[in-house]
Structures are given as structure tokens and as C-alpha cells.
N, C-alpha and C. Protein backbone atom coordinates (compact mmCIF):
# COMPACT_ATOMS: atom_id res chain seq x y z
N MET A 1 74.08 232.42 142.47
CA MET A 1 75.47 232.41 141.74
C MET A 1 75.76 232.28 140.63
N GLU A 2 76.57 232.53 139.81
CA GLU A 2 77.11 232.69 138.38
C GLU A 2 78.07 231.47 137.98
N ILE A 3 77.74 230.43 137.21
CA ILE A 3 78.92 229.71 136.53
C ILE A 3 78.77 229.80 135.07
N VAL A 4 80.28 230.04 134.62
CA VAL A 4 80.39 230.28 133.55
C VAL A 4 80.84 229.12 132.50
N THR A 5 80.39 228.84 131.95
CA THR A 5 80.61 227.46 130.80
C THR A 5 81.07 228.15 129.43
N ALA A 6 81.41 227.06 128.67
CA ALA A 6 81.88 227.37 127.71
C ALA A 6 81.01 227.95 126.69
N HIS A 7 79.58 227.64 126.95
CA HIS A 7 78.71 228.26 126.03
C HIS A 7 77.94 229.67 126.70
N GLY A 8 78.62 230.34 127.61
CA GLY A 8 78.27 231.42 128.36
C GLY A 8 77.84 231.18 129.85
N PRO A 9 77.31 232.19 130.43
CA PRO A 9 77.34 232.22 131.95
C PRO A 9 75.79 231.46 132.06
N ALA A 10 75.82 230.93 133.22
CA ALA A 10 74.21 230.51 133.69
C ALA A 10 74.14 231.00 135.55
N GLU A 11 72.90 230.85 135.57
CA GLU A 11 72.88 231.41 137.17
C GLU A 11 72.11 230.14 137.61
N VAL A 12 72.44 230.20 139.01
CA VAL A 12 72.25 228.69 139.85
C VAL A 12 71.50 229.48 141.16
N ALA A 13 70.28 229.12 141.52
CA ALA A 13 69.93 229.40 142.87
C ALA A 13 70.03 228.12 143.61
N LEU A 14 70.73 228.41 144.44
CA LEU A 14 70.82 227.04 145.44
C LEU A 14 70.42 227.11 146.82
N ASP A 15 69.69 226.07 147.12
CA ASP A 15 69.34 226.02 148.76
C ASP A 15 70.36 224.95 148.97
N ALA A 16 71.42 225.75 150.11
CA ALA A 16 72.50 224.60 150.48
C ALA A 16 72.09 224.24 151.54
N ARG A 17 72.51 222.98 152.27
CA ARG A 17 72.32 222.59 153.36
C ARG A 17 74.08 221.74 153.77
N ASP A 18 74.26 221.54 154.82
CA ASP A 18 75.20 220.51 155.32
C ASP A 18 75.00 219.35 154.94
N ASP A 19 76.00 218.50 154.61
CA ASP A 19 75.77 216.81 154.47
C ASP A 19 74.33 216.52 154.02
N PRO A 20 73.99 216.96 152.72
CA PRO A 20 72.75 216.61 152.34
C PRO A 20 72.65 215.41 151.73
N ALA A 21 71.45 214.66 152.08
CA ALA A 21 70.93 213.56 151.67
C ALA A 21 71.35 213.13 150.11
N PHE A 22 70.93 214.08 149.30
CA PHE A 22 71.16 214.06 147.84
C PHE A 22 71.11 215.35 147.22
N LEU A 23 71.67 215.69 146.13
CA LEU A 23 71.68 217.09 145.59
C LEU A 23 70.55 216.99 144.36
N LEU A 24 69.55 217.67 144.12
CA LEU A 24 68.67 218.10 143.09
C LEU A 24 69.14 219.04 142.44
N VAL A 25 69.10 219.00 140.87
CA VAL A 25 69.44 219.98 140.09
C VAL A 25 68.45 220.08 139.13
N LEU A 26 67.78 221.28 139.16
CA LEU A 26 66.42 221.48 138.32
C LEU A 26 66.54 222.43 137.41
N THR A 27 66.04 222.34 136.10
CA THR A 27 66.24 223.65 135.23
C THR A 27 64.52 223.76 134.56
N HIS A 28 64.30 224.80 133.67
CA HIS A 28 63.65 224.91 133.27
C HIS A 28 62.95 224.57 131.54
N GLY A 29 62.15 225.02 131.30
CA GLY A 29 61.76 224.72 129.98
C GLY A 29 62.40 226.08 128.82
N SER A 30 61.93 225.81 127.49
CA SER A 30 62.94 226.71 126.58
C SER A 30 62.29 228.21 126.61
N ASN A 31 61.16 228.50 127.51
CA ASN A 31 60.77 229.79 127.41
C ASN A 31 59.99 230.02 128.92
N GLY A 32 61.17 229.58 129.96
CA GLY A 32 60.69 229.52 131.32
C GLY A 32 61.76 230.10 131.99
N GLY A 33 61.48 229.96 133.34
CA GLY A 33 62.34 230.20 134.48
C GLY A 33 62.48 229.45 135.62
N VAL A 34 63.29 229.57 136.43
CA VAL A 34 63.49 228.72 137.53
C VAL A 34 62.42 228.66 138.74
N ASP A 35 61.52 229.86 138.46
CA ASP A 35 60.58 230.07 139.27
C ASP A 35 58.60 229.38 138.90
N ALA A 36 59.19 228.53 137.75
CA ALA A 36 58.21 227.74 137.64
C ALA A 36 57.39 227.14 138.78
N ALA A 37 55.94 226.97 138.70
CA ALA A 37 55.32 226.46 140.02
C ALA A 37 55.52 225.18 140.25
N ASP A 38 55.74 224.09 139.41
CA ASP A 38 56.16 222.71 139.26
C ASP A 38 57.30 222.82 139.68
N LEU A 39 58.48 223.51 139.44
CA LEU A 39 60.00 223.36 139.76
C LEU A 39 59.87 223.58 141.27
N LEU A 40 59.02 224.86 141.72
CA LEU A 40 58.83 225.43 143.01
C LEU A 40 58.58 224.25 144.01
N ALA A 41 57.41 223.12 143.57
CA ALA A 41 56.69 222.14 144.35
C ALA A 41 57.83 221.25 144.64
N VAL A 42 58.63 220.64 143.53
CA VAL A 42 59.57 219.63 143.50
C VAL A 42 60.49 220.11 144.55
N ARG A 43 61.08 221.26 144.43
CA ARG A 43 62.11 221.81 145.45
C ARG A 43 61.76 221.86 146.75
N SER A 44 60.54 221.94 147.08
CA SER A 44 59.95 222.07 148.45
C SER A 44 59.88 220.64 149.10
N ALA A 45 59.63 219.86 148.17
CA ALA A 45 59.54 217.92 148.67
C ALA A 45 60.99 217.55 148.53
N ALA A 46 62.01 218.23 147.88
CA ALA A 46 63.35 217.66 148.28
C ALA A 46 63.85 218.22 149.36
N LEU A 47 63.60 219.41 149.77
CA LEU A 47 64.18 220.01 150.89
C LEU A 47 63.61 219.63 152.11
N GLY A 48 62.25 219.15 152.08
CA GLY A 48 61.91 218.65 153.15
C GLY A 48 62.44 216.98 153.15
N LEU A 49 63.14 216.51 152.26
CA LEU A 49 63.54 215.12 152.54
C LEU A 49 65.28 215.40 152.98
N GLY A 50 65.55 216.47 153.18
CA GLY A 50 67.03 216.47 153.52
C GLY A 50 68.10 216.74 152.34
N GLY A 51 67.40 217.11 151.04
CA GLY A 51 68.43 217.18 150.06
C GLY A 51 68.63 219.02 150.01
N ALA A 52 69.59 219.29 149.07
CA ALA A 52 70.32 220.25 148.74
C ALA A 52 69.52 220.54 147.02
N VAL A 53 69.18 221.80 146.64
CA VAL A 53 68.18 221.98 145.42
C VAL A 53 69.30 223.06 144.87
N ALA A 54 69.42 222.93 143.41
CA ALA A 54 70.06 223.75 142.76
C ALA A 54 69.30 224.26 141.48
N ARG A 55 68.49 225.21 141.55
CA ARG A 55 67.66 225.61 140.22
C ARG A 55 68.73 226.32 139.52
N VAL A 56 68.72 225.77 137.91
CA VAL A 56 69.80 226.26 137.21
C VAL A 56 68.90 226.91 135.89
N LEU A 57 69.41 228.51 135.75
CA LEU A 57 68.96 229.25 134.67
C LEU A 57 70.24 228.86 133.61
N GLN A 58 69.63 228.37 132.51
CA GLN A 58 70.71 227.59 131.49
C GLN A 58 71.12 228.99 130.73
N PRO A 59 72.52 229.08 130.12
CA PRO A 59 73.15 230.11 129.54
C PRO A 59 72.26 230.96 128.34
N PHE A 60 71.46 230.21 127.65
CA PHE A 60 70.51 230.72 126.60
C PHE A 60 69.53 231.52 127.62
N ARG A 61 68.86 231.38 128.62
CA ARG A 61 67.90 232.09 129.10
C ARG A 61 68.72 233.09 129.30
N LYS A 62 69.65 233.14 130.20
CA LYS A 62 70.54 234.24 130.83
C LYS A 62 70.48 235.13 129.87
N ALA A 63 71.08 234.82 128.54
CA ALA A 63 71.27 235.66 127.75
C ALA A 63 70.20 236.25 126.89
N GLY A 64 68.68 235.85 127.56
CA GLY A 64 67.39 236.46 126.83
C GLY A 64 67.02 235.71 125.80
N ARG A 65 67.42 234.62 125.17
CA ARG A 65 66.93 233.87 124.06
C ARG A 65 65.73 232.82 124.66
N ARG A 66 64.99 232.70 124.09
CA ARG A 66 64.02 231.52 123.99
C ARG A 66 64.20 230.48 123.61
N ALA A 67 65.17 230.29 122.31
CA ALA A 67 65.28 229.04 121.83
C ALA A 67 66.60 228.15 122.14
N PRO A 68 66.75 227.24 122.87
CA PRO A 68 68.08 226.97 123.35
C PRO A 68 68.99 226.47 122.29
N GLY A 69 68.75 226.19 121.20
CA GLY A 69 69.71 226.43 120.25
C GLY A 69 70.24 224.63 119.98
N SER A 70 71.35 224.76 119.75
CA SER A 70 71.91 223.35 119.57
C SER A 70 71.95 222.42 120.79
N ALA A 71 71.57 221.32 121.00
CA ALA A 71 71.36 220.20 121.76
C ALA A 71 72.58 219.95 122.39
N VAL A 72 73.56 219.84 121.47
CA VAL A 72 74.78 219.40 121.78
C VAL A 72 75.72 220.59 122.93
N LYS A 73 75.46 221.66 122.41
CA LYS A 73 75.83 223.01 123.34
C LYS A 73 75.13 222.83 124.51
N GLN A 74 73.86 222.75 124.48
CA GLN A 74 73.05 222.77 125.52
C GLN A 74 73.69 221.67 126.49
N ASP A 75 73.75 220.47 126.39
CA ASP A 75 74.22 219.64 127.05
C ASP A 75 75.40 219.84 127.64
N GLU A 76 76.49 220.33 126.84
CA GLU A 76 78.07 220.50 127.19
C GLU A 76 77.76 221.56 128.58
N ALA A 77 76.97 222.56 128.09
CA ALA A 77 76.92 223.46 129.28
C ALA A 77 76.15 223.25 130.71
N TRP A 78 75.31 222.12 130.28
CA TRP A 78 74.45 221.41 131.47
C TRP A 78 75.77 220.46 132.21
N LEU A 79 76.38 219.99 131.46
CA LEU A 79 77.46 218.95 132.42
C LEU A 79 78.54 220.01 132.84
N GLU A 80 79.02 220.89 132.60
CA GLU A 80 79.94 221.70 133.18
C GLU A 80 79.44 222.44 134.62
N ILE A 81 78.00 222.76 134.26
CA ILE A 81 77.29 223.18 135.57
C ILE A 81 77.05 221.94 136.72
N VAL A 82 76.73 220.87 136.52
CA VAL A 82 76.41 220.14 137.18
C VAL A 82 77.83 219.52 138.05
N GLY A 83 79.01 219.40 137.06
CA GLY A 83 80.05 218.99 137.73
C GLY A 83 80.93 219.71 138.53
N LEU A 84 80.41 221.22 138.51
CA LEU A 84 81.05 221.99 139.24
C LEU A 84 80.19 221.68 140.75
N LEU A 85 78.82 221.85 140.72
CA LEU A 85 78.00 221.33 141.37
C LEU A 85 78.20 220.47 142.63
N ARG A 86 78.63 219.28 141.89
CA ARG A 86 78.97 218.00 142.37
C ARG A 86 80.29 218.25 143.46
N LYS A 87 80.99 218.94 143.00
CA LYS A 87 82.21 219.61 143.79
C LYS A 87 81.88 219.78 144.78
N GLU A 88 80.66 220.81 145.11
CA GLU A 88 80.40 221.36 146.60
C GLU A 88 79.41 220.39 147.33
N TYR A 89 79.26 219.10 147.00
CA TYR A 89 78.66 218.11 147.48
C TYR A 89 79.01 216.61 147.23
N PRO A 90 80.60 216.62 147.38
CA PRO A 90 80.77 215.42 146.75
C PRO A 90 80.41 213.98 147.41
N GLY A 91 79.69 213.98 148.47
CA GLY A 91 79.08 212.77 148.97
C GLY A 91 77.84 212.60 148.75
N ALA A 92 77.20 213.29 148.46
CA ALA A 92 75.76 213.20 147.82
C ALA A 92 75.38 212.88 146.37
N VAL A 93 74.48 212.00 146.42
CA VAL A 93 74.16 211.13 145.21
C VAL A 93 73.40 212.33 144.48
N LEU A 94 73.51 212.20 143.16
CA LEU A 94 72.84 213.40 142.10
C LEU A 94 71.46 212.60 141.61
N VAL A 95 70.41 213.38 141.62
CA VAL A 95 69.45 213.54 140.92
C VAL A 95 69.10 214.56 140.05
N GLN A 96 68.97 214.72 138.59
CA GLN A 96 68.68 215.95 137.97
C GLN A 96 67.21 215.67 137.27
N GLY A 97 66.76 217.14 137.21
CA GLY A 97 65.39 216.88 136.44
C GLY A 97 65.30 218.37 135.77
N GLY A 98 63.65 218.59 135.20
CA GLY A 98 63.56 219.74 134.77
C GLY A 98 62.14 219.73 133.95
N ARG A 99 61.87 220.73 133.68
CA ARG A 99 60.33 220.64 133.04
C ARG A 99 60.55 220.92 131.35
N SER A 100 59.77 220.04 130.54
CA SER A 100 59.62 220.25 129.06
C SER A 100 61.07 220.30 128.57
N ASN A 101 61.85 221.21 128.06
CA ASN A 101 63.01 221.06 127.41
C ASN A 101 64.24 220.82 128.67
N GLY A 102 64.08 221.21 129.41
CA GLY A 102 64.83 220.79 130.46
C GLY A 102 64.84 219.68 130.89
N ALA A 103 63.70 218.69 130.78
CA ALA A 103 63.53 217.37 130.77
C ALA A 103 64.32 216.38 130.04
N ARG A 104 64.32 217.23 128.90
CA ARG A 104 64.88 216.50 127.58
C ARG A 104 66.54 216.56 128.32
N VAL A 105 66.82 217.67 128.45
CA VAL A 105 68.44 217.66 128.51
C VAL A 105 68.66 216.90 130.06
N ALA A 106 68.08 216.63 131.07
CA ALA A 106 68.07 215.85 132.33
C ALA A 106 68.41 214.57 131.75
N CYS A 107 67.31 213.94 130.98
CA CYS A 107 67.37 212.72 130.13
C CYS A 107 68.52 212.51 129.26
N ARG A 108 68.63 213.23 128.48
CA ARG A 108 70.05 213.03 127.28
C ARG A 108 71.31 213.07 128.29
N THR A 109 71.64 213.74 129.65
CA THR A 109 72.85 213.75 129.82
C THR A 109 73.11 212.75 131.15
N ALA A 110 72.14 212.04 131.69
CA ALA A 110 71.75 211.10 132.90
C ALA A 110 73.16 210.46 133.12
N GLY A 111 73.42 209.71 131.92
CA GLY A 111 74.66 208.74 132.02
C GLY A 111 75.93 209.61 132.22
N GLU A 112 76.20 210.26 131.51
CA GLU A 112 77.42 211.16 131.72
C GLU A 112 77.68 212.26 133.24
N ALA A 113 76.45 212.69 133.51
CA ALA A 113 76.34 213.20 134.62
C ALA A 113 76.60 212.19 135.80
N GLY A 114 76.05 211.14 135.64
CA GLY A 114 76.65 210.21 136.80
C GLY A 114 75.30 210.15 137.70
N ALA A 115 74.01 210.66 137.04
CA ALA A 115 72.87 210.91 138.04
C ALA A 115 72.18 209.50 138.37
N VAL A 116 71.37 209.29 139.67
CA VAL A 116 71.13 208.10 139.84
C VAL A 116 69.46 208.22 139.48
N GLY A 117 69.09 209.39 139.16
CA GLY A 117 67.33 209.48 139.08
C GLY A 117 67.16 210.65 138.27
N VAL A 118 66.25 210.98 137.73
CA VAL A 118 65.89 211.85 136.55
C VAL A 118 64.52 212.17 137.05
N ILE A 119 63.99 213.24 137.41
CA ILE A 119 62.64 213.59 137.35
C ILE A 119 62.05 214.66 136.21
N ALA A 120 61.40 214.01 135.29
CA ALA A 120 60.91 214.97 133.81
C ALA A 120 59.68 215.36 133.94
N LEU A 121 59.59 216.64 134.30
CA LEU A 121 58.42 217.46 134.21
C LEU A 121 57.57 217.71 133.04
N ALA A 122 56.48 217.47 132.70
CA ALA A 122 55.99 217.77 131.08
C ALA A 122 56.72 217.50 130.29
N PHE A 123 57.25 216.33 130.30
CA PHE A 123 57.97 215.50 129.23
C PHE A 123 57.42 215.82 127.67
N PRO A 124 58.17 216.93 126.69
CA PRO A 124 57.45 216.91 125.65
C PRO A 124 57.52 215.85 124.56
N LEU A 125 56.65 214.82 124.52
CA LEU A 125 56.84 213.76 123.69
C LEU A 125 57.21 213.97 122.38
N ARG A 126 56.20 214.69 121.76
CA ARG A 126 56.49 215.31 120.56
C ARG A 126 55.66 216.41 120.19
N PRO A 127 55.86 216.92 119.27
CA PRO A 127 55.68 218.53 118.76
C PRO A 127 53.97 218.35 118.64
N PRO A 128 53.64 219.36 119.40
CA PRO A 128 51.72 219.27 118.58
C PRO A 128 51.77 219.40 117.40
N GLY A 129 50.72 218.13 116.84
CA GLY A 129 50.34 218.42 115.47
C GLY A 129 51.45 217.50 115.11
N ARG A 130 52.40 216.96 115.49
CA ARG A 130 53.26 215.86 114.55
C ARG A 130 53.24 214.68 115.22
N PRO A 131 52.16 213.59 114.99
CA PRO A 131 52.44 212.35 115.76
C PRO A 131 53.57 211.56 115.34
N ASP A 132 54.15 211.76 114.27
CA ASP A 132 55.36 211.28 113.40
C ASP A 132 56.51 211.23 114.10
N ARG A 133 56.65 212.50 114.67
CA ARG A 133 57.74 212.68 115.55
C ARG A 133 57.87 212.33 117.21
N THR A 134 58.68 211.97 117.48
CA THR A 134 58.84 211.42 118.78
C THR A 134 60.34 211.60 119.42
N ARG A 135 60.39 212.03 120.73
CA ARG A 135 61.58 212.22 121.61
C ARG A 135 61.65 211.02 122.87
N VAL A 136 60.61 209.98 122.12
CA VAL A 136 61.11 208.87 123.21
C VAL A 136 62.09 208.32 123.68
N ASP A 137 63.27 208.32 122.59
CA ASP A 137 64.57 207.70 122.84
C ASP A 137 65.21 208.84 123.90
N GLU A 138 64.80 209.82 123.92
CA GLU A 138 65.58 210.67 124.70
C GLU A 138 65.31 210.33 126.24
N LEU A 139 63.96 209.96 126.50
CA LEU A 139 63.62 209.82 127.77
C LEU A 139 64.14 208.49 128.02
N ARG A 140 64.01 207.76 126.93
CA ARG A 140 64.44 206.04 127.47
C ARG A 140 66.03 205.96 127.66
N ALA A 141 66.75 206.83 127.05
CA ALA A 141 68.09 206.96 127.34
C ALA A 141 68.55 207.21 128.58
N ALA A 142 68.09 207.82 129.82
CA ALA A 142 68.23 208.08 131.16
C ALA A 142 67.95 206.58 131.64
N GLY A 143 66.96 205.66 131.51
CA GLY A 143 66.80 204.49 132.18
C GLY A 143 67.96 203.55 131.65
N ALA A 144 68.44 203.57 130.30
CA ALA A 144 69.49 202.60 129.99
C ALA A 144 70.85 203.17 130.35
N ALA A 145 71.12 204.28 130.88
CA ALA A 145 72.18 204.60 131.56
C ALA A 145 72.19 204.21 133.13
N GLY A 146 71.21 204.03 133.42
CA GLY A 146 71.22 203.32 134.91
C GLY A 146 70.19 204.46 135.60
N ALA A 147 69.66 205.02 135.39
CA ALA A 147 69.24 206.07 136.27
C ALA A 147 67.54 205.98 136.28
N GLU A 148 67.04 206.17 137.63
CA GLU A 148 65.77 205.63 137.84
C GLU A 148 64.74 207.04 137.06
N VAL A 149 63.69 206.71 136.32
CA VAL A 149 63.34 207.98 135.92
C VAL A 149 61.57 207.97 136.17
N LEU A 150 61.45 209.64 136.87
CA LEU A 150 60.00 209.42 136.95
C LEU A 150 59.67 210.70 135.93
N VAL A 151 58.34 210.27 135.57
CA VAL A 151 57.56 211.22 134.54
C VAL A 151 56.36 211.76 135.24
N VAL A 152 56.26 213.23 135.27
CA VAL A 152 54.82 214.01 135.58
C VAL A 152 54.45 214.81 134.31
N ASN A 153 53.52 214.18 134.10
CA ASN A 153 52.71 214.73 132.90
C ASN A 153 51.18 215.22 133.22
N GLY A 154 50.58 216.04 132.37
CA GLY A 154 49.20 216.04 132.37
C GLY A 154 48.45 215.34 131.57
N ASP A 155 47.03 214.96 132.01
CA ASP A 155 46.65 214.15 130.75
C ASP A 155 46.10 215.15 129.72
N ARG A 156 46.27 216.39 129.38
CA ARG A 156 45.74 217.17 128.86
C ARG A 156 46.94 217.84 128.10
N ASP A 157 48.25 217.52 128.01
CA ASP A 157 49.10 217.89 127.50
C ASP A 157 49.25 217.80 125.87
N PRO A 158 49.47 218.92 125.27
CA PRO A 158 49.33 218.63 123.81
C PRO A 158 50.68 217.96 123.18
N PHE A 159 51.65 218.13 123.90
CA PHE A 159 52.72 217.23 123.33
C PHE A 159 52.82 215.84 123.93
N GLY A 160 52.07 215.41 124.62
CA GLY A 160 51.37 214.00 124.66
C GLY A 160 51.99 213.54 125.84
N VAL A 161 51.94 212.32 126.35
CA VAL A 161 52.09 211.47 127.68
C VAL A 161 52.91 210.22 126.97
N PRO A 162 54.22 210.27 127.77
CA PRO A 162 54.89 209.22 127.55
C PRO A 162 54.10 207.72 128.12
N ASP A 163 54.58 206.71 127.52
CA ASP A 163 53.89 205.28 128.06
C ASP A 163 54.25 204.86 129.10
N ALA A 164 53.81 204.14 129.76
CA ALA A 164 54.14 203.68 131.32
C ALA A 164 55.37 202.75 131.16
N ALA A 165 55.53 202.09 130.06
CA ALA A 165 56.77 201.13 129.92
C ALA A 165 58.31 202.03 129.65
N ASP A 166 58.15 203.69 129.17
CA ASP A 166 58.95 204.36 128.88
C ASP A 166 59.96 205.19 130.00
N ALA A 167 59.51 204.70 131.25
CA ALA A 167 59.99 205.16 132.58
C ALA A 167 59.85 204.33 133.63
N ASP A 168 60.47 204.50 134.66
CA ASP A 168 60.02 203.69 135.78
C ASP A 168 58.81 203.69 136.50
N GLU A 169 58.56 205.37 136.46
CA GLU A 169 56.89 205.78 137.14
C GLU A 169 56.82 206.65 136.07
N VAL A 170 55.38 206.64 135.58
CA VAL A 170 54.75 207.73 134.86
C VAL A 170 53.60 208.06 135.41
N ARG A 171 53.68 209.16 136.19
CA ARG A 171 52.38 210.11 136.79
C ARG A 171 51.53 211.03 135.84
N VAL A 172 50.54 210.68 135.70
CA VAL A 172 49.71 211.47 134.93
C VAL A 172 48.54 212.23 135.92
N LEU A 173 48.59 213.67 135.76
CA LEU A 173 47.74 214.24 136.42
C LEU A 173 46.81 214.79 135.75
N PRO A 174 45.11 214.53 136.29
CA PRO A 174 44.02 214.63 135.55
C PRO A 174 44.06 216.50 135.46
N GLY A 175 43.31 216.91 134.20
CA GLY A 175 43.20 218.35 134.15
C GLY A 175 44.29 219.20 133.80
N GLU A 176 45.52 218.71 133.76
CA GLU A 176 46.81 219.37 133.82
C GLU A 176 47.07 219.39 132.31
N ARG A 177 47.72 220.87 131.72
CA ARG A 177 48.18 220.45 130.66
C ARG A 177 49.52 220.70 130.29
N HIS A 178 50.58 221.50 129.62
CA HIS A 178 51.99 221.33 129.70
C HIS A 178 52.36 222.21 130.88
N GLU A 179 51.59 222.93 131.38
CA GLU A 179 52.22 223.94 132.08
C GLU A 179 52.45 223.49 133.43
N LEU A 180 51.89 222.42 133.73
CA LEU A 180 51.31 221.83 135.16
C LEU A 180 51.08 222.98 136.40
N ALA A 181 50.38 223.87 135.73
CA ALA A 181 50.09 225.26 136.99
C ALA A 181 48.73 224.96 137.66
N LYS A 182 48.14 224.18 137.32
CA LYS A 182 46.62 224.10 137.80
C LYS A 182 46.83 223.64 139.34
N ASP A 183 47.67 222.87 139.77
CA ASP A 183 47.62 222.20 140.98
C ASP A 183 49.25 221.58 140.99
N PRO A 184 50.07 222.75 141.29
CA PRO A 184 51.45 222.50 141.58
C PRO A 184 51.49 221.32 142.71
N ALA A 185 50.80 221.85 143.90
CA ALA A 185 51.02 220.84 145.02
C ALA A 185 50.90 219.25 144.44
N ALA A 186 50.31 218.90 143.38
CA ALA A 186 50.20 217.57 143.06
C ALA A 186 51.42 217.17 142.65
N VAL A 187 52.18 217.90 141.95
CA VAL A 187 53.42 217.66 141.40
C VAL A 187 54.38 217.43 142.50
N GLY A 188 54.43 218.37 143.63
CA GLY A 188 55.51 218.07 144.42
C GLY A 188 54.99 216.87 145.35
N GLU A 189 53.50 216.21 145.55
CA GLU A 189 53.20 215.08 146.04
C GLU A 189 53.63 213.76 145.35
N ALA A 190 53.68 213.76 143.64
CA ALA A 190 54.26 213.15 142.65
C ALA A 190 55.60 212.62 143.36
N ALA A 191 56.49 213.91 143.55
CA ALA A 191 58.11 213.75 143.44
C ALA A 191 58.37 213.22 144.80
N GLU A 192 57.47 213.16 145.67
CA GLU A 192 58.26 213.18 147.29
C GLU A 192 58.54 211.75 147.31
N PRO A 193 57.46 210.84 147.09
CA PRO A 193 57.55 209.58 147.65
C PRO A 193 58.67 208.68 146.82
N TRP A 194 58.87 209.38 145.66
CA TRP A 194 60.12 208.84 144.43
C TRP A 194 61.56 209.78 145.06
N LEU A 195 61.51 210.52 145.49
CA LEU A 195 62.53 211.11 145.98
C LEU A 195 63.12 210.76 147.30
N ARG A 196 62.01 210.16 148.11
CA ARG A 196 62.09 209.54 149.54
C ARG A 196 63.31 208.60 149.11
N ARG A 197 63.45 207.77 148.16
CA ARG A 197 64.30 206.71 148.48
C ARG A 197 65.92 206.87 148.48
N TRP A 198 66.22 208.24 148.37
CA TRP A 198 67.26 208.66 148.79
C TRP A 198 67.68 209.92 149.72
N SER A 199 66.57 209.77 150.69
CA SER A 199 66.52 210.54 151.72
C SER A 199 67.24 210.10 152.73
N ALA A 200 67.55 208.87 153.15
CA ALA A 200 68.02 208.25 154.14
C ALA A 200 69.58 207.77 153.94
N PRO A 201 70.59 207.97 154.59
CA PRO A 201 71.89 207.79 154.38
C PRO A 201 71.94 206.28 154.15
N PRO A 202 72.96 205.53 153.44
CA PRO A 202 73.05 204.15 152.97
C PRO A 202 73.32 203.44 154.76
N LEU A 203 72.88 202.11 154.95
CA LEU A 203 73.06 201.43 156.17
C LEU A 203 74.22 200.82 156.27
N ALA A 204 75.09 200.87 157.24
CA ALA A 204 76.58 200.53 157.46
C ALA A 204 76.39 198.96 157.34
N PRO A 205 77.23 198.72 156.77
CA PRO A 205 77.75 197.11 156.49
C PRO A 205 77.63 196.51 157.78
N GLU A 206 77.09 195.20 157.77
CA GLU A 206 76.94 194.59 159.20
C GLU A 206 78.34 193.38 159.37
N ARG A 207 78.77 193.69 160.81
CA ARG A 207 80.24 192.89 161.07
C ARG A 207 80.01 191.64 161.63
């Protein structure tokens, strides 16, 4: 499906279901797409738990660009997309996430989007070779907004690995680089128990 935002059209691959336990909205990195192996692994885990999953090709990628441009405009477009998707599933809690640049977007917008959780795959903590620059404030912003944050990074990621204190859970996969492509199944296995907390409907209050 196509969603037209103020910053151009986006494309959404939606695995829909009736009355899902949660809605998981995922997106790609700055030079990637929604069929990245780690995104597909998380998608499979979420579907197995009764969630609906939307994989979003952001406007800049649909337009053929590799650079996302303004973070403000990127976040505005993301919030438009998520807002429309939430209307499709008004009773489902929102979990959002992405890989690399997409993880940054998911973290920055978690509070405004109303996400209960964020999955940050290959969070790019700092540009390679620039230890003086860090994006940890973006990661921490999601937790500060009340979202529970799962980070999944490879121990050989040239962008670095967040500290355990920077998120609710940080899973470091041995032998993986930024692509998280060596063993995508391990990414899904890391996400599955974390997503499981939203897989069951809340218990009715006792009378």
C-alpha cells in the first residue's frame, strides 16, 4: 500500500490480521530496503506471536535516494505513516523499530508515536572512525519517553555497540557486523522473547 506524506509517498508492506495482539512497524537503513534479512527475521517472530507487521519503505528510499536528508522531515513523515497505520488497528499496542538509520528514527519518535516498545537493530552509535561523536541521546530518548527498548547489535559493528545501561536490553551477537546478515535467525530469536510480553491480551480485572 502507498501512503502519501507531506514529504513524499511511502510504501508499506503489511502483514495484516484480524484483532492482532500488537502492531509492529519496521523500517530500513539509509541505503537499504524492507527485505533486509534481519527485518524479515523480526517480522517472522512477530507474526508467530499474533502481531500485525508493517514494513515501511520511507519516502527518501521510494524516491531512489540513499541519504535520508533532514531528520526533522524524516521523523515527520514517519509519524504520519504510523498514525495512519494505527487507525487500522486502534486496539493494538504499537511497537516500532528498524535497522541502522531506521533504528534512529524509531527511537527519536517513540514518545510522540505512543510506542510501548522499540526494536533497534544495528543501532549506529557513532560514525566509524569518529569516537568523539555519539548518537546515544537518540537511543536514550526512547526509554525516557516510556518505551521499552531492545538493541540487537553485532560485536564487530564498526559503528560501535551501545552500553547495557543505554537500553532495557542490549543483545550483542558474536561475529556479526553492521548488516546482521551472518545469522539472521539469531536476530529473530533475540526479538521473540522481548516481543512476547505484548503477545497476550491483558487480563480482565477481577471482580
